[in-house]
Protein backbone atom coordinates (compact mmCIF):
# COMPACT_ATOMS: atom_id res chain seq x y z
CA MET A 1 -2.48 -18.69 23.24
CA THR A 2 0.74 -20.46 24.15
CA ASP A 3 3.72 -18.92 25.95
CA ASN A 4 1.62 -15.96 27.21
CA TYR A 5 2.62 -13.69 24.35
CA ARG A 6 1.94 -9.99 24.74
CA LEU A 7 2.36 -6.94 22.54
CA PRO A 8 5.04 -4.76 24.17
CA ALA A 9 4.71 -1.01 24.49
CA GLU A 10 6.65 0.95 21.91
CA TRP A 11 8.99 2.46 24.52
CA GLU A 12 10.24 -0.98 25.59
CA PRO A 13 13.69 -1.94 24.24
CA HIS A 14 13.94 -2.63 20.51
CA ALA A 15 16.20 -4.97 18.62
CA ALA A 16 15.45 -3.10 15.39
CA THR A 17 13.11 -0.83 13.49
CA TRP A 18 11.58 -2.00 10.22
CA ILE A 19 10.97 0.46 7.40
CA GLY A 20 10.10 0.02 3.72
CA TRP A 21 12.19 2.13 1.36
CA PRO A 22 9.86 4.38 -0.71
CA GLN A 23 9.29 3.23 -4.26
CA ASN A 24 5.61 3.79 -5.13
CA VAL A 25 5.43 7.25 -6.71
CA THR A 26 1.62 7.20 -6.55
CA ASP A 27 1.85 7.58 -2.76
CA TRP A 28 3.37 11.06 -3.22
CA PRO A 29 2.08 12.14 -6.67
CA GLY A 30 4.05 15.05 -8.03
CA LYS A 31 6.17 15.25 -4.87
CA PHE A 32 8.20 12.03 -4.81
CA PRO A 33 11.82 13.26 -5.36
CA PRO A 34 12.38 14.56 -1.79
CA ILE A 35 10.84 11.49 -0.13
CA PRO A 36 13.88 9.14 -0.26
CA TRP A 37 15.94 11.93 1.31
CA ALA A 38 13.37 12.28 4.09
CA TYR A 39 13.70 8.55 4.70
CA GLY A 40 17.45 8.95 4.81
CA GLU A 41 17.10 11.43 7.67
CA ILE A 42 14.70 9.09 9.50
CA VAL A 43 17.12 6.17 9.24
CA ARG A 44 20.02 8.38 10.31
CA ALA A 45 18.08 9.36 13.44
CA LEU A 46 17.18 5.74 14.27
CA ALA A 47 20.51 4.03 13.65
CA PRO A 48 22.45 5.22 16.75
CA GLY A 49 20.08 3.26 18.97
CA GLU A 50 19.15 0.19 16.96
CA VAL A 51 19.54 -1.71 13.72
CA VAL A 52 17.28 -0.50 10.91
CA ARG A 53 15.87 -3.25 8.70
CA ILE A 54 15.02 -1.75 5.31
CA LEU A 55 12.70 -3.52 2.90
CA VAL A 56 13.77 -3.10 -0.73
CA ASN A 57 12.17 -4.26 -3.97
CA SER A 58 15.34 -4.69 -6.01
CA ARG A 59 19.11 -4.44 -6.04
CA ALA A 60 18.76 -1.10 -7.82
CA GLN A 61 16.59 0.24 -5.04
CA GLN A 62 19.03 -1.05 -2.42
CA ALA A 63 21.86 0.70 -4.23
CA GLN A 64 19.87 3.95 -4.33
CA ALA A 65 19.09 3.68 -0.62
CA GLY A 66 22.73 2.94 0.16
CA ARG A 67 23.90 6.02 -1.75
CA ILE A 68 21.46 8.29 0.04
CA LEU A 69 22.28 6.86 3.46
CA LYS A 70 26.00 7.30 2.90
CA LYS A 71 25.47 10.90 1.80
CA VAL A 72 23.58 11.72 5.01
CA GLY A 73 26.48 10.29 7.00
CA LEU A 74 25.14 6.89 8.03
CA ASP A 75 27.29 3.86 8.77
CA LEU A 76 25.69 1.10 6.67
CA ALA A 77 26.78 -1.46 9.27
CA ARG A 78 23.70 -0.26 11.19
CA VAL A 79 21.42 -1.24 8.30
CA ASP A 80 20.03 -4.64 7.32
CA PHE A 81 18.64 -4.61 3.78
CA LEU A 82 15.88 -7.16 3.25
CA PRO A 83 14.91 -8.13 -0.33
CA PHE A 84 11.17 -8.24 0.44
CA PRO A 85 9.09 -6.68 -2.37
CA THR A 86 6.32 -4.33 -1.26
CA ASN A 87 3.46 -2.42 -2.85
CA ARG A 88 3.92 0.62 -0.63
CA GLY A 89 6.09 1.85 2.21
CA TRP A 90 3.63 2.05 5.11
CA THR A 91 5.38 -0.56 7.22
CA ARG A 92 3.39 0.15 10.39
CA ASP A 93 0.30 -1.30 8.75
CA PHE A 94 1.53 -4.35 6.86
CA GLY A 95 4.82 -5.09 8.63
CA PRO A 96 5.37 -7.81 11.22
CA ILE A 97 3.69 -7.20 14.58
CA PHE A 98 6.03 -8.76 17.11
CA VAL A 99 4.76 -10.25 20.34
CA ARG A 100 6.96 -11.24 23.27
CA GLY A 101 6.71 -14.39 25.33
CA ALA A 102 8.57 -15.48 28.42
CA LYS A 103 11.26 -17.19 26.35
CA SER A 104 10.98 -15.90 22.81
CA LEU A 105 9.47 -13.56 20.27
CA ALA A 106 6.82 -14.47 17.73
CA ILE A 107 5.05 -12.65 14.91
CA ALA A 108 1.30 -12.11 15.03
CA ARG A 109 0.22 -12.83 11.48
CA PHE A 110 -2.62 -10.43 10.74
CA HIS A 111 -3.70 -9.77 7.17
CA PHE A 112 -3.51 -6.58 5.14
CA ASN A 113 -5.81 -5.43 2.33
CA ALA A 114 -4.61 -1.84 1.78
CA TRP A 115 -7.05 -0.33 4.28
CA ALA A 116 -9.97 -1.88 2.37
CA LYS A 117 -9.46 0.90 -0.18
CA TYR A 118 -6.76 0.12 -2.75
CA LYS A 119 -6.25 -2.85 -5.06
CA ASP A 120 -2.49 -3.32 -4.78
CA TRP A 121 -1.68 -5.06 -1.51
CA LYS A 122 -0.69 -8.68 -2.14
CA LYS A 123 3.06 -8.09 -1.80
CA ASP A 124 2.55 -6.15 1.42
CA ASP A 125 0.40 -8.92 2.85
CA LYS A 126 3.28 -11.39 2.52
CA ILE A 127 5.74 -9.42 4.67
CA PRO A 128 4.89 -10.94 8.10
CA ALA A 129 5.46 -14.47 6.80
CA LEU A 130 8.73 -13.46 5.11
CA ALA A 131 9.86 -11.79 8.33
CA ALA A 132 9.09 -14.90 10.39
CA LYS A 133 11.05 -17.06 7.96
CA ARG A 134 14.01 -14.67 7.92
CA LEU A 135 14.20 -14.38 11.71
CA LYS A 136 13.18 -18.01 12.36
CA LEU A 137 10.29 -16.98 14.59
CA PRO A 138 6.90 -18.64 15.13
CA LEU A 139 3.99 -17.20 13.16
CA ILE A 140 0.77 -16.91 15.16
CA GLU A 141 -2.25 -16.71 12.89
CA GLY A 142 -4.49 -13.76 13.75
CA LYS A 143 -7.02 -14.60 11.01
CA ILE A 144 -8.36 -11.04 10.69
CA VAL A 145 -7.35 -7.94 8.74
CA LEU A 146 -5.60 -5.55 11.13
CA GLU A 147 -3.16 -2.69 10.58
CA GLY A 148 -0.57 -1.72 13.16
CA GLY A 149 -1.62 1.93 13.01
CA SER A 150 -5.13 1.07 14.12
CA ILE A 151 -3.99 0.05 17.62
CA ASP A 152 -1.75 1.37 20.39
CA VAL A 153 -0.86 -0.40 23.65
CA ASN A 154 0.64 0.28 27.07
CA GLY A 155 2.38 -3.12 27.30
CA ARG A 156 0.35 -4.04 30.40
CA GLY A 157 -2.81 -5.31 28.74
CA THR A 158 -4.63 -2.15 27.61
CA LEU A 159 -5.17 -1.32 23.94
CA LEU A 160 -6.52 1.81 22.24
CA THR A 161 -8.40 1.73 18.94
CA THR A 162 -11.31 3.48 17.20
CA GLU A 163 -14.81 2.45 16.25
CA GLU A 164 -14.51 4.35 12.98
CA CYS A 165 -11.65 2.15 11.79
CA LEU A 166 -12.60 -1.30 13.05
CA LEU A 167 -16.39 -1.24 13.42
CA ASP A 168 -17.79 0.88 10.58
CA PRO A 169 -20.02 -1.52 8.56
CA HIS A 170 -20.16 0.67 5.45
CA VAL A 171 -16.83 2.48 4.88
CA GLN A 172 -13.51 0.65 4.41
CA THR A 173 -14.79 -2.38 6.28
CA ARG A 174 -11.83 -4.65 6.97
CA ASN A 175 -13.71 -7.59 8.49
CA PRO A 176 -17.36 -7.59 7.40
CA GLY A 177 -19.66 -9.02 10.03
CA LEU A 178 -17.04 -9.18 12.77
CA SER A 179 -18.41 -7.86 16.06
CA ARG A 180 -16.78 -5.74 18.72
CA LEU A 181 -16.59 -8.75 21.03
CA GLU A 182 -15.03 -10.94 18.34
CA ILE A 183 -12.35 -8.31 17.66
CA GLU A 184 -11.62 -7.98 21.38
CA THR A 185 -11.29 -11.76 21.58
CA VAL A 186 -8.62 -11.69 18.87
CA PHE A 187 -6.79 -8.95 20.76
CA ARG A 188 -6.89 -11.09 23.90
CA ASP A 189 -5.83 -14.35 22.29
CA ILE A 190 -3.09 -13.01 19.99
CA LEU A 191 -1.82 -9.84 21.66
CA GLY A 192 -2.41 -10.56 25.34
CA ILE A 193 -4.90 -7.69 25.68
CA THR A 194 -7.30 -7.76 28.61
CA ASN A 195 -8.70 -4.25 28.27
CA THR A 196 -9.74 -2.66 24.95
CA LEU A 197 -10.61 1.04 24.92
CA TRP A 198 -12.76 2.20 22.00
CA LEU A 199 -12.47 5.80 20.90
CA GLY A 200 -14.82 7.25 18.29
CA LYS A 201 -13.54 8.93 15.12
CA GLY A 202 -10.11 9.76 13.81
CA ILE A 203 -8.86 13.00 12.26
CA ALA A 204 -9.73 14.65 8.96
CA GLY A 205 -7.64 13.70 5.95
CA ASP A 206 -6.79 10.22 7.23
CA ASP A 207 -7.51 7.84 4.36
CA THR A 208 -7.22 4.85 6.69
CA HIS A 209 -10.59 5.89 8.14
CA GLY A 210 -9.70 6.41 11.75
CA HIS A 211 -6.26 5.10 12.71
CA VAL A 212 -5.62 5.75 16.39
CA ASP A 213 -1.94 6.60 15.86
CA ASP A 214 -2.98 9.97 14.43
CA LEU A 215 -4.95 11.05 17.50
CA CYS A 216 -4.14 9.23 20.76
CA ARG A 217 -1.01 7.43 21.96
CA PHE A 218 0.27 5.84 25.14
CA VAL A 219 3.44 7.50 26.44
CA LYS A 220 3.54 5.66 29.80
CA PRO A 221 1.58 2.67 31.14
CA GLY A 222 -1.03 5.02 32.63
CA THR A 223 -0.69 8.12 30.44
CA VAL A 224 -1.85 9.04 26.94
CA VAL A 225 -1.45 12.09 24.79
CA LEU A 226 -4.61 13.07 22.95
CA CYS A 227 -4.78 15.56 20.11
CA ARG A 228 -6.80 18.67 20.89
CA GLU A 229 -8.26 21.14 18.40
CA ASP A 230 -9.03 24.56 19.87
CA ASN A 231 -10.88 26.00 16.86
CA PRO A 232 -14.59 25.16 17.17
CA LYS A 233 -15.01 25.67 13.43
CA ASP A 234 -12.43 23.04 12.50
CA VAL A 235 -13.76 19.64 11.42
CA ASN A 236 -11.57 17.92 14.02
CA TYR A 237 -12.96 19.89 16.97
CA LYS A 238 -16.00 17.76 17.80
CA PRO A 239 -14.53 14.25 17.29
CA LEU A 240 -11.44 15.06 19.34
CA ALA A 241 -13.56 16.58 22.12
CA GLU A 242 -15.76 13.49 22.11
CA ASN A 243 -12.70 11.24 22.39
CA ARG A 244 -11.57 13.23 25.42
CA GLU A 245 -14.97 12.69 27.05
CA ARG A 246 -14.72 8.96 26.39
CA LEU A 247 -11.24 8.71 27.88
CA GLN A 248 -12.35 10.50 31.04
CA GLY A 249 -14.79 7.66 31.67
CA MET A 250 -12.38 4.84 30.83
CA HIS A 251 -9.98 2.87 33.01
CA LEU A 252 -6.75 0.93 32.67
CA GLU A 253 -6.40 -2.84 32.96
CA ARG A 254 -6.38 -2.76 36.78
CA GLY A 255 -9.09 -0.16 37.18
CA ALA A 256 -6.98 3.00 37.50
CA SER A 257 -8.02 6.14 35.67
CA ILE A 258 -6.06 7.36 32.66
CA GLU A 259 -3.94 10.50 32.73
CA VAL A 260 -4.77 12.43 29.55
CA ILE A 261 -2.34 15.08 28.29
CA ASP A 262 -3.32 17.46 25.51
CA LEU A 263 -1.24 17.50 22.34
CA PRO A 264 -2.03 20.43 20.03
CA MET A 265 -3.06 20.07 16.43
CA PRO A 266 -1.12 22.03 13.81
CA ALA A 267 -3.04 24.46 11.64
CA PRO A 268 -4.90 22.74 8.78
CA LEU A 269 -2.43 21.67 6.10
CA HIS A 270 -3.52 21.33 2.47
CA PHE A 271 -1.78 20.33 -0.72
CA ASP A 272 -3.38 20.35 -4.17
CA GLY A 273 -6.74 21.02 -2.53
CA VAL A 274 -6.52 18.00 -0.19
CA ARG A 275 -6.71 18.25 3.62
CA LEU A 276 -3.76 16.28 4.97
CA PRO A 277 -3.69 14.25 8.21
CA ALA A 278 -1.01 16.38 9.86
CA SER A 279 -0.70 15.29 13.49
CA TYR A 280 2.00 15.36 16.13
CA ALA A 281 0.58 12.10 17.52
CA ASN A 282 2.23 10.21 14.66
CA PHE A 283 5.56 10.20 16.54
CA TYR A 284 7.76 7.11 16.82
CA ILE A 285 9.45 6.00 20.05
CA ALA A 286 12.87 4.55 19.19
CA ASN A 287 15.60 3.33 21.54
CA ALA A 288 17.73 6.46 21.32
CA ALA A 289 15.19 9.13 20.32
CA VAL A 290 11.54 10.03 19.93
CA LEU A 291 10.98 11.16 16.33
CA VAL A 292 8.17 13.71 15.99
CA PRO A 293 6.70 15.02 12.72
CA THR A 294 6.81 18.80 12.33
CA PHE A 295 4.92 20.97 9.85
CA ASN A 296 6.52 24.44 9.74
CA ASP A 297 3.88 25.45 12.26
CA PRO A 298 4.17 27.62 15.42
CA LYS A 299 2.77 24.69 17.40
CA ASP A 300 5.71 22.49 16.41
CA ARG A 301 7.68 23.89 19.35
CA VAL A 302 4.78 23.36 21.76
CA ALA A 303 4.30 19.73 20.74
CA LEU A 304 8.04 19.01 20.96
CA GLY A 305 8.15 20.52 24.43
CA ILE A 306 5.22 18.44 25.69
CA LEU A 307 6.77 15.23 24.39
CA ALA A 308 10.23 16.16 25.71
CA ASP A 309 8.75 16.42 29.21
CA LEU A 310 7.14 12.99 28.79
CA PHE A 311 10.31 11.26 27.53
CA PRO A 312 13.13 12.59 29.72
CA ASP A 313 15.21 9.46 29.04
CA ARG A 314 15.74 10.09 25.32
CA PRO A 315 15.99 13.13 23.03
CA VAL A 316 12.87 14.28 21.23
CA VAL A 317 13.77 15.09 17.63
CA GLY A 318 11.57 17.03 15.22
CA MET A 319 11.53 15.66 11.68
CA HIS A 320 10.26 17.84 8.82
CA ALA A 321 7.12 16.08 7.54
CA VAL A 322 5.38 18.52 5.19
CA ASP A 323 6.49 16.45 2.20
CA LEU A 324 5.92 13.08 3.91
CA VAL A 325 2.33 13.85 4.92
CA TRP A 326 1.34 14.28 1.27
CA GLY A 327 1.47 10.47 1.33
CA LEU A 328 -1.26 10.69 4.03
CA GLY A 329 1.02 9.44 6.79
CA THR A 330 4.25 10.31 8.56
CA LEU A 331 6.78 8.80 10.98
CA HIS A 332 4.76 6.24 12.91
CA CYS A 333 3.04 5.05 9.75
CA LEU A 334 6.42 4.33 8.15
CA THR A 335 8.01 2.39 11.00
CA GLN A 336 7.46 -0.86 12.90
CA GLN A 337 9.42 -1.87 15.98
CA GLU A 338 11.00 -5.27 16.57
CA PRO A 339 11.23 -5.77 20.35
CA ALA A 340 14.40 -6.99 21.99
CA ASP A 341 14.41 -10.66 22.92
CA GLY A 342 12.31 -11.31 26.01
CA ARG A 343 15.12 -13.23 27.69
CA THR A 344 17.35 -10.18 27.82
CA ALA A 345 14.98 -7.22 27.88
CA GLY A 346 12.65 -6.23 30.64
CA ARG A 347 10.01 -3.57 30.70
CA SER A 348 11.16 0.01 30.47
CA ASP A 349 8.57 2.26 32.07
């Protein structure tokens, strides 16, 4: 790979956050009306620290978004509307994955097929190429199907992912026949990863089949938060305990052990008989805040306190996500960071 591109950690400086304005009512069946307002609050929380690039399907949708953003008190000068049609709004998974070189940014062009589960994805799959054209950045072909929510990195060469998502040969198989070694080679060549850590299974209710951003996240180069379920009868108890055991035997890119900090799980959340993937690990690290999903749960305060201790340089803000999670994702799933230019931004540890 040319220019020694690497995938920066999420806490490194951003130029912008990308988000797709909600427009597919089937993502929140029977509960769509409050969703654009929830997005308005997310954008309002992001805008003080960075530009927010909002994908819209039409002028009418842009006008609706503009009205909502003005009503929540946002200066639209902090927003860049992009007329890029999408199928859904889960920008973490289909949006551009930016890599940073010594002199420039580029976009790693992975492919998207709606988590190998849904049929409507062709508009979403075009977004990385449209982004590269708009920003006049090189497009580095990754050749495989890969969603941004399936990986998390420390910016130093170590990547977290799960076997359930990327290696299951029978359920939601993104890349049939692709081996563990072949996937790790793609990570090395395209993302600058020298050390891939494989966890086991994800959490219940996650229709992506094991995205790591719902269970384990880097918060510092050598520290992760890992969701912990204390109820032995809960379906998440065993897989989360197994992931903790795995992490205790793993090492960082230079051989150091990993500091693992427990992040509680909220009580099981259901809607219309469906177990939802409610998780505090689906937080988003922005320039001027860390946005954390909350669920009207007593453990909201505990999770916010843990993350506040880990991010003393920026406020930790709870965002009501009971409505959002009916779409089977929350804050991290909806956002994708655009790093600041490598010539002007160094690492922020």
